Amino acid sequence: MCTVQRPDKNEDSFGSPVKNWVTVYENILGRMRKRRGRMIANAGRDKFKTAEYLFSTHLLYLPGGLHIEDTWRVIISNEYYRIEFAEKDSSGHHWEIELSKIN
């Protein structure tokens, strides 16, 4: 079971940015496997964008009916993971999400 959160950017009384996390989904059943560390190329959805290389430590599968974005994070067993890259499989059945563990 996992929790998915998105950043909620607000400002403090001085106008400085404050980043809080808002829970989007709770108790989502998924499947995660550990990687030995993998560099992934992410050219995004813009075919003219220069590829970025990201480091992934885990691969998470979640149901396809959810909305997931790359700037979000996942919490599993009180461990925090940054979503590096998320895309649905070709049939839209599930999400394949590349994660990196946050220490």
PDB file of N, CA and C in Angstrom:
ATOM      1  N   MET A   1       0.837  -1.170   0.000  1.00  0.00           N
ATOM      2  CA  MET A   1       0.000   0.000   0.000  1.00  0.00           C
ATOM      3  C   MET A   1       0.889   1.243   0.000  1.00  0.00           C
ATOM      4  N   CYS A   2       0.487   2.243  -0.741  1.00  0.00           N
ATOM      5  CA  CYS A   2       1.304   3.449  -0.803  1.00  0.00           C
ATOM      6  C   CYS A   2       0.423   4.698  -0.767  1.00  0.00           C
ATOM      7  N   THR A   3       1.087   5.799  -0.486  1.00  0.00           N
ATOM      8  CA  THR A   3       0.469   7.119  -0.497  1.00  0.00           C
ATOM      9  C   THR A   3       1.173   7.934  -1.572  1.00  0.00           C
ATOM     10  N   VAL A   4       0.402   8.668  -2.359  1.00  0.00           N
ATOM     11  CA  VAL A   4       0.959   9.533  -3.404  1.00  0.00           C
ATOM     12  C   VAL A   4       0.666  10.971  -3.006  1.00  0.00           C
ATOM     13  N   GLN A   5       1.692  11.814  -3.038  1.00  0.00           N
ATOM     14  CA  GLN A   5       1.539  13.220  -2.659  1.00  0.00           C
ATOM     15  C   GLN A   5       2.042  14.132  -3.767  1.00  0.00           C
ATOM     16  N   ARG A   6       1.469  15.345  -3.814  1.00  0.00           N
ATOM     17  CA  ARG A   6       1.905  16.360  -4.762  1.00  0.00           C
ATOM     18  C   ARG A   6       2.352  17.588  -3.981  1.00  0.00           C
ATOM     19  N   PRO A   7       3.273  18.370  -4.547  1.00  0.00           N
ATOM     20  CA  PRO A   7       3.701  19.585  -3.859  1.00  0.00           C
ATOM     21  C   PRO A   7       2.622  20.659  -3.934  1.00  0.00           C
ATOM     22  N   ASP A   8       2.493  21.398  -2.868  1.00  0.00           N
ATOM     23  CA  ASP A   8       1.556  22.519  -2.807  1.00  0.00           C
ATOM     24  C   ASP A   8       2.376  23.741  -2.413  1.00  0.00           C
ATOM     25  N   LYS A   9       2.636  24.591  -3.369  1.00  0.00           N
ATOM     26  CA  LYS A   9       3.502  25.745  -3.117  1.00  0.00           C
ATOM     27  C   LYS A   9       2.666  26.926  -2.635  1.00  0.00           C
ATOM     28  N   ASN A  10       3.002  27.401  -1.466  1.00  0.00           N
ATOM     29  CA  ASN A  10       2.365  28.570  -0.871  1.00  0.00           C
ATOM     30  C   ASN A  10       3.440  29.586  -0.524  1.00  0.00           C
ATOM     31  N   GLU A  11       3.021  30.676   0.067  1.00  0.00           N
ATOM     32  CA  GLU A  11       3.960  31.692   0.528  1.00  0.00           C
ATOM     33  C   GLU A  11       3.737  31.944   2.008  1.00  0.00           C
ATOM     34  N   ASP A  12       4.846  32.217   2.718  1.00  0.00           N
ATOM     35  CA  ASP A  12       4.717  32.580   4.121  1.00  0.00           C
ATOM     36  C   ASP A  12       4.334  34.058   4.226  1.00  0.00           C
ATOM     37  N   SER A  13       4.252  34.584   5.437  1.00  0.00           N
ATOM     38  CA  SER A  13       3.806  35.966   5.642  1.00  0.00           C
ATOM     39  C   SER A  13       4.760  36.997   5.037  1.00  0.00           C
ATOM     40  N   PHE A  14       5.991  36.585   4.711  1.00  0.00           N
ATOM     41  CA  PHE A  14       6.966  37.481   4.093  1.00  0.00           C
ATOM     42  C   PHE A  14       6.993  37.348   2.574  1.00  0.00           C
ATOM     43  N   GLY A  15       6.163  36.463   2.033  1.00  0.00           N
ATOM     44  CA  GLY A  15       6.123  36.259   0.594  1.00  0.00           C
ATOM     45  C   GLY A  15       7.131  35.249   0.075  1.00  0.00           C
ATOM     46  N   SER A  16       7.850  34.586   0.985  1.00  0.00           N
ATOM     47  CA  SER A  16       8.819  33.562   0.577  1.00  0.00           C
ATOM     48  C   SER A  16       8.090  32.249   0.285  1.00  0.00           C
ATOM     49  N   PRO A  17       8.531  31.517  -0.731  1.00  0.00           N
ATOM     50  CA  PRO A  17       7.864  30.260  -1.068  1.00  0.00           C
ATOM     51  C   PRO A  17       8.021  29.207   0.026  1.00  0.00           C
ATOM     52  N   VAL A  18       6.954  28.492   0.296  1.00  0.00           N
ATOM     53  CA  VAL A  18       6.935  27.396   1.266  1.00  0.00           C
ATOM     54  C   VAL A  18       6.361  26.184   0.553  1.00  0.00           C
ATOM     55  N   LYS A  19       7.081  25.072   0.605  1.00  0.00           N
ATOM     56  CA  LYS A  19       6.635  23.867  -0.090  1.00  0.00           C
ATOM     57  C   LYS A  19       6.038  22.891   0.916  1.00  0.00           C
ATOM     58  N   ASN A  20       4.770  22.582   0.747  1.00  0.00           N
ATOM     59  CA  ASN A  20       4.082  21.589   1.560  1.00  0.00           C
ATOM     60  C   ASN A  20       3.666  20.445   0.657  1.00  0.00           C
ATOM     61  N   TRP A  21       3.369  19.298   1.239  1.00  0.00           N
ATOM     62  CA  TRP A  21       2.924  18.144   0.471  1.00  0.00           C
ATOM     63  C   TRP A  21       1.471  17.845   0.801  1.00  0.00           C
ATOM     64  N   VAL A  22       0.688  17.607  -0.245  1.00  0.00           N
ATOM     65  CA  VAL A  22      -0.737  17.312  -0.107  1.00  0.00           C
ATOM     66  C   VAL A  22      -0.976  15.889  -0.603  1.00  0.00           C
ATOM     67  N   THR A  23      -1.673  15.093   0.184  1.00  0.00           N
ATOM     68  CA  THR A  23      -1.966  13.717  -0.203  1.00  0.00           C
ATOM     69  C   THR A  23      -3.022  13.700  -1.296  1.00  0.00           C
ATOM     70  N   VAL A  24      -2.712  13.012  -2.393  1.00  0.00           N
ATOM     71  CA  VAL A  24      -3.622  12.874  -3.523  1.00  0.00           C
ATOM     72  C   VAL A  24      -4.332  11.523  -3.449  1.00  0.00           C
ATOM     73  N   TYR A  25      -3.572  10.452  -3.172  1.00  0.00           N
ATOM     74  CA  TYR A  25      -4.123   9.098  -3.054  1.00  0.00           C
ATOM     75  C   TYR A  25      -3.537   8.432  -1.815  1.00  0.00           C
ATOM     76  N   GLU A  26      -4.377   7.676  -1.101  1.00  0.00           N
ATOM     77  CA  GLU A  26      -3.929   6.914   0.063  1.00  0.00           C
ATOM     78  C   GLU A  26      -4.299   5.458  -0.110  1.00  0.00           C
ATOM     79  N   ASN A  27      -3.507   4.583   0.492  1.00  0.00           N
ATOM     80  CA  ASN A  27      -3.785   3.144   0.501  1.00  0.00           C
ATOM     81  C   ASN A  27      -4.000   2.574  -0.898  1.00  0.00           C
ATOM     82  N   ILE A  28      -3.129   2.973  -1.823  1.00  0.00           N
ATOM     83  CA  ILE A  28      -3.184   2.468  -3.192  1.00  0.00           C
ATOM     84  C   ILE A  28      -2.358   1.190  -3.262  1.00  0.00           C
ATOM     85  N   LEU A  29      -2.960   0.153  -3.787  1.00  0.00           N
ATOM     86  CA  LEU A  29      -2.260  -1.106  -3.945  1.00  0.00           C
ATOM     87  C   LEU A  29      -1.387  -1.046  -5.187  1.00  0.00           C
ATOM     88  N   GLY A  30      -0.120  -1.340  -5.033  1.00  0.00           N
ATOM     89  CA  GLY A  30       0.816  -1.322  -6.151  1.00  0.00           C
ATOM     90  C   GLY A  30       1.868  -2.395  -5.972  1.00  0.00           C
ATOM     91  N   ARG A  31       2.759  -2.467  -6.912  1.00  0.00           N
ATOM     92  CA  ARG A  31       3.852  -3.440  -6.850  1.00  0.00           C
ATOM     93  C   ARG A  31       5.145  -2.699  -7.147  1.00  0.00           C
ATOM     94  N   MET A  32       6.132  -2.889  -6.275  1.00  0.00           N
ATOM     95  CA  MET A  32       7.401  -2.195  -6.442  1.00  0.00           C
ATOM     96  C   MET A  32       8.539  -3.209  -6.468  1.00  0.00           C
ATOM     97  N   ARG A  33       9.516  -2.927  -7.301  1.00  0.00           N
ATOM     98  CA  ARG A  33      10.722  -3.748  -7.293  1.00  0.00           C
ATOM     99  C   ARG A  33      11.942  -2.838  -7.271  1.00  0.00           C
ATOM    100  N   LYS A  34      12.960  -3.318  -6.602  1.00  0.00           N
ATOM    101  CA  LYS A  34      14.193  -2.550  -6.469  1.00  0.00           C
ATOM    102  C   LYS A  34      15.051  -2.742  -7.711  1.00  0.00           C
ATOM    103  N   ARG A  35      15.704  -1.674  -8.116  1.00  0.00           N
ATOM    104  CA  ARG A  35      16.659  -1.732  -9.217  1.00  0.00           C
ATOM    105  C   ARG A  35      18.057  -1.643  -8.636  1.00  0.00           C
ATOM    106  N   ARG A  36      19.019  -2.036  -9.395  1.00  0.00           N
ATOM    107  CA  ARG A  36      20.414  -1.887  -8.967  1.00  0.00           C
ATOM    108  C   ARG A  36      20.920  -0.484  -9.257  1.00  0.00           C
ATOM    109  N   GLY A  37      20.025   0.395  -9.589  1.00  0.00           N
ATOM    110  CA  GLY A  37      20.394   1.747 -10.002  1.00  0.00           C
ATOM    111  C   GLY A  37      20.392   1.775 -11.512  1.00  0.00           C
ATOM    112  N   ARG A  38      19.601   2.618 -12.083  1.00  0.00           N
ATOM    113  CA  ARG A  38      19.451   2.632 -13.532  1.00  0.00           C
ATOM    114  C   ARG A  38      19.382   4.067 -14.004  1.00  0.00           C
ATOM    115  N   MET A  39      20.160   4.369 -15.016  1.00  0.00           N
ATOM    116  CA  MET A  39      20.058   5.672 -15.657  1.00  0.00           C
ATOM    117  C   MET A  39      18.977   5.572 -16.718  1.00  0.00           C
ATOM    118  N   ILE A  40      18.050   6.500 -16.705  1.00  0.00           N
ATOM    119  CA  ILE A  40      16.990   6.486 -17.707  1.00  0.00           C
ATOM    120  C   ILE A  40      17.007   7.812 -18.456  1.00  0.00           C
ATOM    121  N   ALA A  41      16.774   7.731 -19.751  1.00  0.00           N
ATOM    122  CA  ALA A  41      16.701   8.944 -20.565  1.00  0.00           C
ATOM    123  C   ALA A  41      15.262   9.390 -20.605  1.00  0.00           C
ATOM    124  N   ASN A  42      15.027  10.651 -20.301  1.00  0.00           N
ATOM    125  CA  ASN A  42      13.684  11.202 -20.294  1.00  0.00           C
ATOM    126  C   ASN A  42      13.669  12.385 -21.249  1.00  0.00           C
ATOM    127  N   ALA A  43      13.160  12.170 -22.439  1.00  0.00           N
ATOM    128  CA  ALA A  43      13.055  13.271 -23.396  1.00  0.00           C
ATOM    129  C   ALA A  43      11.722  13.986 -23.233  1.00  0.00           C
ATOM    130  N   GLY A  44      10.930  13.538 -22.269  1.00  0.00           N
ATOM    131  CA  GLY A  44       9.627  14.151 -22.038  1.00  0.00           C
ATOM    132  C   GLY A  44       8.704  13.904 -23.207  1.00  0.00           C
ATOM    133  N   ARG A  45       7.670  14.670 -23.291  1.00  0.00           N
ATOM    134  CA  ARG A  45       6.702  14.480 -24.353  1.00  0.00           C
ATOM    135  C   ARG A  45       6.968  15.393 -25.550  1.00  0.00           C
ATOM    136  N   ASP A  46       7.998  16.221 -25.418  1.00  0.00           N
ATOM    137  CA  ASP A  46       8.386  17.127 -26.496  1.00  0.00           C
ATOM    138  C   ASP A  46       9.543  16.497 -27.259  1.00  0.00           C
ATOM    139  N   LYS A  47       9.297  16.080 -28.498  1.00  0.00           N
ATOM    140  CA  LYS A  47      10.328  15.359 -29.239  1.00  0.00           C
ATOM    141  C   LYS A  47      11.549  16.219 -29.547  1.00  0.00           C
ATOM    142  N   PHE A  48      11.456  17.541 -29.388  1.00  0.00           N
ATOM    143  CA  PHE A  48      12.585  18.413 -29.661  1.00  0.00           C
ATOM    144  C   PHE A  48      13.385  18.749 -28.409  1.00  0.00           C
ATOM    145  N   LYS A  49      12.912  18.288 -27.254  1.00  0.00           N
ATOM    146  CA  LYS A  49      13.596  18.577 -26.001  1.00  0.00           C
ATOM    147  C   LYS A  49      14.836  17.686 -25.873  1.00  0.00           C
ATOM    148  N   THR A  50      15.913  18.249 -25.372  1.00  0.00           N
ATOM    149  CA  THR A  50      17.129  17.480 -25.132  1.00  0.00           C
ATOM    150  C   THR A  50      16.870  16.480 -24.012  1.00  0.00           C
ATOM    151  N   ALA A  51      17.355  15.271 -24.170  1.00  0.00           N
ATOM    152  CA  ALA A  51      17.130  14.223 -23.170  1.00  0.00           C
ATOM    153  C   ALA A  51      17.808  14.578 -21.852  1.00  0.00           C
ATOM    154  N   GLU A  52      17.128  14.257 -20.758  1.00  0.00           N
ATOM    155  CA  GLU A  52      17.695  14.366 -19.422  1.00  0.00           C
ATOM    156  C   GLU A  52      17.963  12.947 -18.957  1.00  0.00           C
ATOM    157  N   TYR A  53      19.018  12.753 -18.193  1.00  0.00           N
ATOM    158  CA  TYR A  53      19.281  11.434 -17.651  1.00  0.00           C
ATOM    159  C   TYR A  53      18.989  11.447 -16.167  1.00  0.00           C
ATOM    160  N   LEU A  54      18.162  10.507 -15.743  1.00  0.00           N
ATOM    161  CA  LEU A  54      17.714  10.429 -14.364  1.00  0.00           C
ATOM    162  C   LEU A  54      18.198   9.118 -13.764  1.00  0.00           C
ATOM    163  N   PHE A  55      18.342   9.098 -12.453  1.00  0.00           N
ATOM    164  CA  PHE A  55      18.775   7.888 -11.765  1.00  0.00           C
ATOM    165  C   PHE A  55      17.583   7.293 -11.033  1.00  0.00           C
ATOM    166  N   SER A  56      17.294   6.038 -11.307  1.00  0.00           N
ATOM    167  CA  SER A  56      16.156   5.366 -10.710  1.00  0.00           C
ATOM    168  C   SER A  56      16.637   4.235  -9.805  1.00  0.00           C
ATOM    169  N   THR A  57      16.064   4.132  -8.605  1.00  0.00           N
ATOM    170  CA  THR A  57      16.425   3.056  -7.681  1.00  0.00           C
ATOM    171  C   THR A  57      15.327   2.004  -7.567  1.00  0.00           C
ATOM    172  N   HIS A  58      14.091   2.369  -7.929  1.00  0.00           N
ATOM    173  CA  HIS A  58      12.957   1.458  -7.817  1.00  0.00           C
ATOM    174  C   HIS A  58      11.994   1.671  -8.978  1.00  0.00           C
ATOM    175  N   LEU A  59      11.239   0.641  -9.299  1.00  0.00           N
ATOM    176  CA  LEU A  59      10.190   0.718 -10.304  1.00  0.00           C
ATOM    177  C   LEU A  59       8.877   0.351  -9.621  1.00  0.00           C
ATOM    178  N   LEU A  60       7.886   1.218  -9.741  1.00  0.00           N
ATOM    179  CA  LEU A  60       6.586   1.028  -9.092  1.00  0.00           C
ATOM    180  C   LEU A  60       5.505   0.917 -10.149  1.00  0.00           C
ATOM    181  N   TYR A  61       4.609  -0.032  -9.963  1.00  0.00           N
ATOM    182  CA  TYR A  61       3.455  -0.203 -10.837  1.00  0.00           C
ATOM    183  C   TYR A  61       2.207   0.166 -10.051  1.00  0.00           C
ATOM    184  N   LEU A  62       1.405   1.095 -10.591  1.00  0.00           N
ATOM    185  CA  LEU A  62       0.147   1.506  -9.961  1.00  0.00           C
ATOM    186  C   LEU A  62      -0.982   1.407 -10.988  1.00  0.00           C
ATOM    187  N   PRO A  63      -2.242   1.336 -10.531  1.00  0.00           N
ATOM    188  CA  PRO A  63      -3.379   1.235 -11.457  1.00  0.00           C
ATOM    189  C   PRO A  63      -3.437   2.400 -12.439  1.00  0.00           C
ATOM    190  N   GLY A  64      -3.876   2.130 -13.652  1.00  0.00           N
ATOM    191  CA  GLY A  64      -3.908   3.130 -14.716  1.00  0.00           C
ATOM    192  C   GLY A  64      -4.956   4.208 -14.553  1.00  0.00           C
ATOM    193  N   GLY A  65      -5.945   4.016 -13.697  1.00  0.00           N
ATOM    194  CA  GLY A  65      -7.011   4.994 -13.528  1.00  0.00           C
ATOM    195  C   GLY A  65      -6.623   6.222 -12.723  1.00  0.00           C
ATOM    196  N   LEU A  66      -5.398   6.277 -12.232  1.00  0.00           N
ATOM    197  CA  LEU A  66      -4.924   7.400 -11.423  1.00  0.00           C
ATOM    198  C   LEU A  66      -4.317   8.476 -12.313  1.00  0.00           C
ATOM    199  N   HIS A  67      -4.159   9.666 -11.742  1.00  0.00           N
ATOM    200  CA  HIS A  67      -3.427  10.750 -12.403  1.00  0.00           C
ATOM    201  C   HIS A  67      -2.131  10.936 -11.619  1.00  0.00           C
ATOM    202  N   ILE A  68      -0.989  10.781 -12.278  1.00  0.00           N
ATOM    203  CA  ILE A  68       0.327  10.872 -11.631  1.00  0.00           C
ATOM    204  C   ILE A  68       1.184  11.865 -12.412  1.00  0.00           C
ATOM    205  N   GLU A  69       1.980  12.667 -11.690  1.00  0.00           N
ATOM    206  CA  GLU A  69       2.895  13.606 -12.344  1.00  0.00           C
ATOM    207  C   GLU A  69       4.316  13.403 -11.831  1.00  0.00           C
ATOM    208  N   ASP A  70       5.274  13.802 -12.663  1.00  0.00           N
ATOM    209  CA  ASP A  70       6.685  13.587 -12.353  1.00  0.00           C
ATOM    210  C   ASP A  70       7.180  14.353 -11.131  1.00  0.00           C
ATOM    211  N   THR A  71       6.551  15.407 -10.733  1.00  0.00           N
ATOM    212  CA  THR A  71       7.035  16.224  -9.611  1.00  0.00           C
ATOM    213  C   THR A  71       6.533  15.715  -8.257  1.00  0.00           C
ATOM    214  N   TRP A  72       5.779  14.652  -8.262  1.00  0.00           N
ATOM    215  CA  TRP A  72       5.160  14.152  -7.031  1.00  0.00           C
ATOM    216  C   TRP A  72       6.098  13.192  -6.309  1.00  0.00           C
ATOM    217  N   ARG A  73       5.623  12.673  -5.152  1.00  0.00           N
ATOM    218  CA  ARG A  73       6.395  11.679  -4.411  1.00  0.00           C
ATOM    219  C   ARG A  73       5.470  10.575  -3.919  1.00  0.00           C
ATOM    220  N   VAL A  74       6.096   9.463  -3.527  1.00  0.00           N
ATOM    221  CA  VAL A  74       5.374   8.290  -3.052  1.00  0.00           C
ATOM    222  C   VAL A  74       5.927   7.913  -1.683  1.00  0.00           C
ATOM    223  N   ILE A  75       5.040   7.502  -0.782  1.00  0.00           N
ATOM    224  CA  ILE A  75       5.457   7.019   0.535  1.00  0.00           C
ATOM    225  C   ILE A  75       5.021   5.563   0.652  1.00  0.00           C
ATOM    226  N   ILE A  76       5.986   4.693   0.935  1.00  0.00           N
ATOM    227  CA  ILE A  76       5.717   3.268   1.124  1.00  0.00           C
ATOM    228  C   ILE A  76       6.435   2.832   2.393  1.00  0.00           C
ATOM    229  N   SER A  77       5.682   2.313   3.354  1.00  0.00           N
ATOM    230  CA  SER A  77       6.257   1.848   4.634  1.00  0.00           C
ATOM    231  C   SER A  77       7.146   2.900   5.274  1.00  0.00           C
ATOM    232  N   ASN A  78       6.663   4.132   5.323  1.00  0.00           N
ATOM    233  CA  ASN A  78       7.374   5.268   5.916  1.00  0.00           C
ATOM    234  C   ASN A  78       8.692   5.603   5.212  1.00  0.00           C
ATOM    235  N   GLU A  79       8.884   5.127   4.000  1.00  0.00           N
ATOM    236  CA  GLU A  79      10.036   5.475   3.167  1.00  0.00           C
ATOM    237  C   GLU A  79       9.543   6.393   2.053  1.00  0.00           C
ATOM    238  N   TYR A  80      10.321   7.438   1.760  1.00  0.00           N
ATOM    239  CA  TYR A  80       9.931   8.436   0.773  1.00  0.00           C
ATOM    240  C   TYR A  80      10.705   8.237  -0.529  1.00  0.00           C
ATOM    241  N   TYR A  81       9.974   8.355  -1.663  1.00  0.00           N
ATOM    242  CA  TYR A  81      10.557   8.179  -2.988  1.00  0.00           C
ATOM    243  C   TYR A  81      10.117   9.323  -3.885  1.00  0.00           C
ATOM    244  N   ARG A  82      11.053   9.867  -4.634  1.00  0.00           N
ATOM    245  CA  ARG A  82      10.762  10.916  -5.614  1.00  0.00           C
ATOM    246  C   ARG A  82      10.363  10.254  -6.927  1.00  0.00           C
ATOM    247  N   ILE A  83       9.295  10.736  -7.537  1.00  0.00           N
ATOM    248  CA  ILE A  83       8.905  10.239  -8.854  1.00  0.00           C
ATOM    249  C   ILE A  83       9.787  10.922  -9.884  1.00  0.00           C
ATOM    250  N   GLU A  84      10.630  10.134 -10.537  1.00  0.00           N
ATOM    251  CA  GLU A  84      11.534  10.661 -11.545  1.00  0.00           C
ATOM    252  C   GLU A  84      10.870  10.709 -12.918  1.00  0.00           C
ATOM    253  N   PHE A  85      10.092   9.683 -13.215  1.00  0.00           N
ATOM    254  CA  PHE A  85       9.455   9.584 -14.525  1.00  0.00           C
ATOM    255  C   PHE A  85       8.265   8.650 -14.392  1.00  0.00           C
ATOM    256  N   ALA A  86       7.114   9.069 -14.899  1.00  0.00           N
ATOM    257  CA  ALA A  86       5.906   8.244 -14.819  1.00  0.00           C
ATOM    258  C   ALA A  86       5.227   8.223 -16.175  1.00  0.00           C
ATOM    259  N   GLU A  87       4.876   7.026 -16.622  1.00  0.00           N
ATOM    260  CA  GLU A  87       4.115   6.907 -17.861  1.00  0.00           C
ATOM    261  C   GLU A  87       3.228   5.675 -17.787  1.00  0.00           C
ATOM    262  N   LYS A  88       2.103   5.746 -18.505  1.00  0.00           N
ATOM    263  CA  LYS A  88       1.208   4.599 -18.570  1.00  0.00           C
ATOM    264  C   LYS A  88       1.729   3.616 -19.608  1.00  0.00           C
ATOM    265  N   ASP A  89       1.406   2.336 -19.412  1.00  0.00           N
ATOM    266  CA  ASP A  89       1.760   1.357 -20.432  1.00  0.00           C
ATOM    267  C   ASP A  89       0.919   1.624 -21.670  1.00  0.00           C
ATOM    268  N   SER A  90       1.208   0.959 -22.760  1.00  0.00           N
ATOM    269  CA  SER A  90       0.564   1.268 -24.041  1.00  0.00           C
ATOM    270  C   SER A  90      -0.951   1.062 -24.029  1.00  0.00           C
ATOM    271  N   SER A  91      -1.456   0.202 -23.153  1.00  0.00           N
ATOM    272  CA  SER A  91      -2.905  -0.029 -23.093  1.00  0.00           C
ATOM    273  C   SER A  91      -3.600   0.869 -22.076  1.00  0.00           C
ATOM    274  N   GLY A  92      -2.825   1.618 -21.260  1.00  0.00           N
ATOM    275  CA  GLY A  92      -3.403   2.469 -20.223  1.00  0.00           C
ATOM    276  C   GLY A  92      -3.828   1.690 -18.991  1.00  0.00           C
ATOM    277  N   HIS A  93      -3.460   0.425 -18.928  1.00  0.00           N
ATOM    278  CA  HIS A  93      -3.851  -0.455 -17.825  1.00  0.00           C
ATOM    279  C   HIS A  93      -3.183  -0.079 -16.507  1.00  0.00           C
ATOM    280  N   HIS A  94      -1.914   0.300 -16.558  1.00  0.00           N
ATOM    281  CA  HIS A  94      -1.186   0.628 -15.333  1.00  0.00           C
ATOM    282  C   HIS A  94      -0.108   1.687 -15.602  1.00  0.00           C
ATOM    283  N   TRP A  95       0.346   2.279 -14.512  1.00  0.00           N
ATOM    284  CA  TRP A  95       1.455   3.227 -14.545  1.00  0.00           C
ATOM    285  C   TRP A  95       2.757   2.484 -14.289  1.00  0.00           C
ATOM    286  N   GLU A  96       3.812   2.860 -14.978  1.00  0.00           N
ATOM    287  CA  GLU A  96       5.170   2.408 -14.692  1.00  0.00           C
ATOM    288  C   GLU A  96       5.934   3.638 -14.224  1.00  0.00           C
ATOM    289  N   ILE A  97       6.320   3.634 -12.961  1.00  0.00           N
ATOM    290  CA  ILE A  97       6.862   4.836 -12.330  1.00  0.00           C
ATOM    291  C   ILE A  97       8.283   4.571 -11.855  1.00  0.00           C
ATOM    292  N   GLU A  98       9.207   5.351 -12.384  1.00  0.00           N
ATOM    293  CA  GLU A  98      10.603   5.269 -11.962  1.00  0.00           C
ATOM    294  C   GLU A  98      10.776   6.141 -10.719  1.00  0.00           C
ATOM    295  N   LEU A  99      11.305   5.562  -9.655  1.00  0.00           N
ATOM    296  CA  LEU A  99      11.464   6.258  -8.371  1.00  0.00           C
ATOM    297  C   LEU A  99      12.930   6.338  -7.966  1.00  0.00           C
ATOM    298  N   SER A 100      13.254   7.333  -7.172  1.00  0.00           N
ATOM    299  CA  SER A 100      14.543   7.359  -6.495  1.00  0.00           C
ATOM    300  C   SER A 100      14.254   7.601  -5.019  1.00  0.00           C
ATOM    301  N   LYS A 101      14.923   6.818  -4.190  1.00  0.00           N
ATOM    302  CA  LYS A 101      14.701   6.900  -2.747  1.00  0.00           C
ATOM    303  C   LYS A 101      15.260   8.211  -2.211  1.00  0.00           C
ATOM    304  N   ILE A 102      14.483   8.846  -1.340  1.00  0.00           N
ATOM    305  CA  ILE A 102      14.895  10.094  -0.708  1.00  0.00           C
ATOM    306  C   ILE A 102      15.466   9.734   0.660  1.00  0.00           C
ATOM    307  N   ASN A 103      16.720  10.089   0.899  1.00  0.00           N
ATOM    308  CA  ASN A 103      17.355   9.766   2.196  1.00  0.00           C
ATOM    309  C   ASN A 103      17.094  10.836   3.210  1.00  0.00           C
TER     310      ASN A 103
END
